Protein backbone atom coordinates (compact mmCIF):
# COMPACT_ATOMS: atom_id res chain seq x y z
CA MET A 1 -79.09 -22.05 -50.44
CA ASP A 2 -80.65 -25.38 -49.01
CA ARG A 3 -83.34 -23.67 -48.05
CA LYS A 4 -84.01 -22.02 -51.19
CA MET A 5 -83.46 -25.29 -53.02
CA ALA A 6 -85.09 -27.68 -50.73
CA ASN A 7 -87.73 -30.05 -52.59
CA ARG A 8 -86.34 -29.11 -56.13
CA LYS A 9 -84.17 -30.80 -58.47
CA LEU A 10 -81.59 -29.32 -60.21
CA ILE A 11 -81.02 -29.78 -63.86
CA ARG A 12 -77.83 -28.63 -65.36
CA LEU A 13 -78.13 -26.15 -68.46
CA SER A 14 -76.46 -29.03 -69.95
CA GLN A 15 -78.49 -31.84 -69.47
CA ILE A 16 -82.11 -30.16 -70.24
CA LYS A 17 -82.21 -31.50 -73.48
CA SER A 18 -81.64 -34.82 -72.29
CA LYS A 19 -83.89 -35.04 -69.05
CA ILE A 20 -86.86 -33.45 -71.59
CA VAL A 21 -86.98 -36.62 -73.54
CA VAL A 22 -87.25 -38.79 -70.55
CA GLU A 23 -88.49 -37.07 -67.79
CA ASN A 24 -92.05 -34.92 -67.99
CA LEU A 25 -90.46 -31.29 -66.51
CA GLU A 26 -93.24 -29.46 -66.10
CA GLU A 27 -94.63 -31.92 -63.28
CA THR A 28 -91.39 -31.06 -61.19
CA ASP A 29 -90.52 -28.36 -59.31
CA TRP A 30 -86.85 -27.88 -60.93
CA VAL A 31 -84.43 -25.11 -61.38
CA THR A 32 -80.97 -24.35 -63.16
CA PHE A 33 -78.22 -21.72 -63.48
CA GLY A 34 -76.55 -20.48 -66.08
CA VAL A 35 -73.50 -18.04 -67.15
CA ILE A 36 -74.28 -15.76 -70.08
CA VAL A 37 -71.66 -16.59 -71.84
CA ARG A 38 -73.07 -14.29 -75.48
CA LYS A 39 -75.11 -11.27 -76.06
CA VAL A 40 -76.86 -10.72 -79.35
CA THR A 41 -77.50 -6.58 -79.34
CA PRO A 42 -80.56 -5.91 -78.85
CA GLN A 43 -83.08 -6.04 -81.88
CA SER A 44 -86.55 -4.83 -82.83
CA SER A 45 -89.05 -7.57 -83.46
CA ASN A 46 -91.85 -6.90 -86.63
CA ASN A 47 -93.97 -4.98 -84.71
CA GLY A 48 -91.19 -2.70 -83.84
CA ARG A 49 -90.54 -4.25 -79.85
CA THR A 50 -87.46 -4.20 -78.81
CA PHE A 51 -85.32 -7.90 -77.31
CA SER A 52 -82.38 -9.46 -76.04
CA ILE A 53 -80.92 -12.76 -76.22
CA TRP A 54 -79.17 -14.22 -74.28
CA ARG A 55 -76.95 -17.47 -74.70
CA LEU A 56 -76.35 -19.40 -71.43
CA ASN A 57 -74.09 -21.94 -70.52
CA ASP A 58 -72.84 -24.31 -67.24
CA LEU A 59 -69.89 -24.26 -68.49
CA ARG A 60 -69.36 -27.68 -68.23
CA ASP A 61 -69.89 -28.51 -72.17
CA LEU A 62 -69.42 -24.74 -73.77
CA ASN A 63 -71.51 -26.63 -76.33
CA GLN A 64 -74.32 -27.02 -74.84
CA TYR A 65 -75.73 -24.11 -74.71
CA VAL A 66 -79.81 -22.42 -74.33
CA SER A 67 -80.52 -19.20 -75.59
CA LEU A 68 -82.97 -17.26 -73.53
CA PHE A 69 -85.29 -14.31 -75.59
CA LEU A 70 -85.75 -11.81 -73.27
CA PHE A 71 -88.97 -9.31 -73.90
CA GLY A 72 -90.96 -6.64 -72.43
CA ASP A 73 -90.22 -5.70 -68.83
CA VAL A 74 -87.95 -8.17 -68.55
CA HIS A 75 -85.51 -6.73 -71.16
CA ARG A 76 -86.01 -2.84 -69.72
CA GLU A 77 -84.72 -4.04 -67.16
CA HIS A 78 -82.32 -6.50 -67.41
CA TRP A 79 -80.90 -5.78 -71.24
CA LYS A 80 -77.44 -4.30 -69.33
CA THR A 81 -76.59 -7.51 -67.33
CA ASP A 82 -72.58 -8.07 -68.15
CA GLN A 83 -71.36 -11.31 -70.48
CA GLY A 84 -70.18 -13.54 -67.77
CA THR A 85 -73.17 -12.80 -65.20
CA VAL A 86 -74.23 -15.91 -63.50
């Protein structure tokens, strides 16, 4: 993990919103980790394509979460991923 994190900044999911306000994250090599705390049943978009929505949390503040929308190949490969997966 030390090797993979070298020269990268860890930003907790619960901190992303506040970090975006004060930092230009587009110019920073940063990573985050999250747990799938909720999955919405796959849905169809207006154009008929199926997608999934995951609610991710870092387990520090359960009121702060990020919604991740999975489309295309990512949806097809990962829609069965279990809730609780990191």
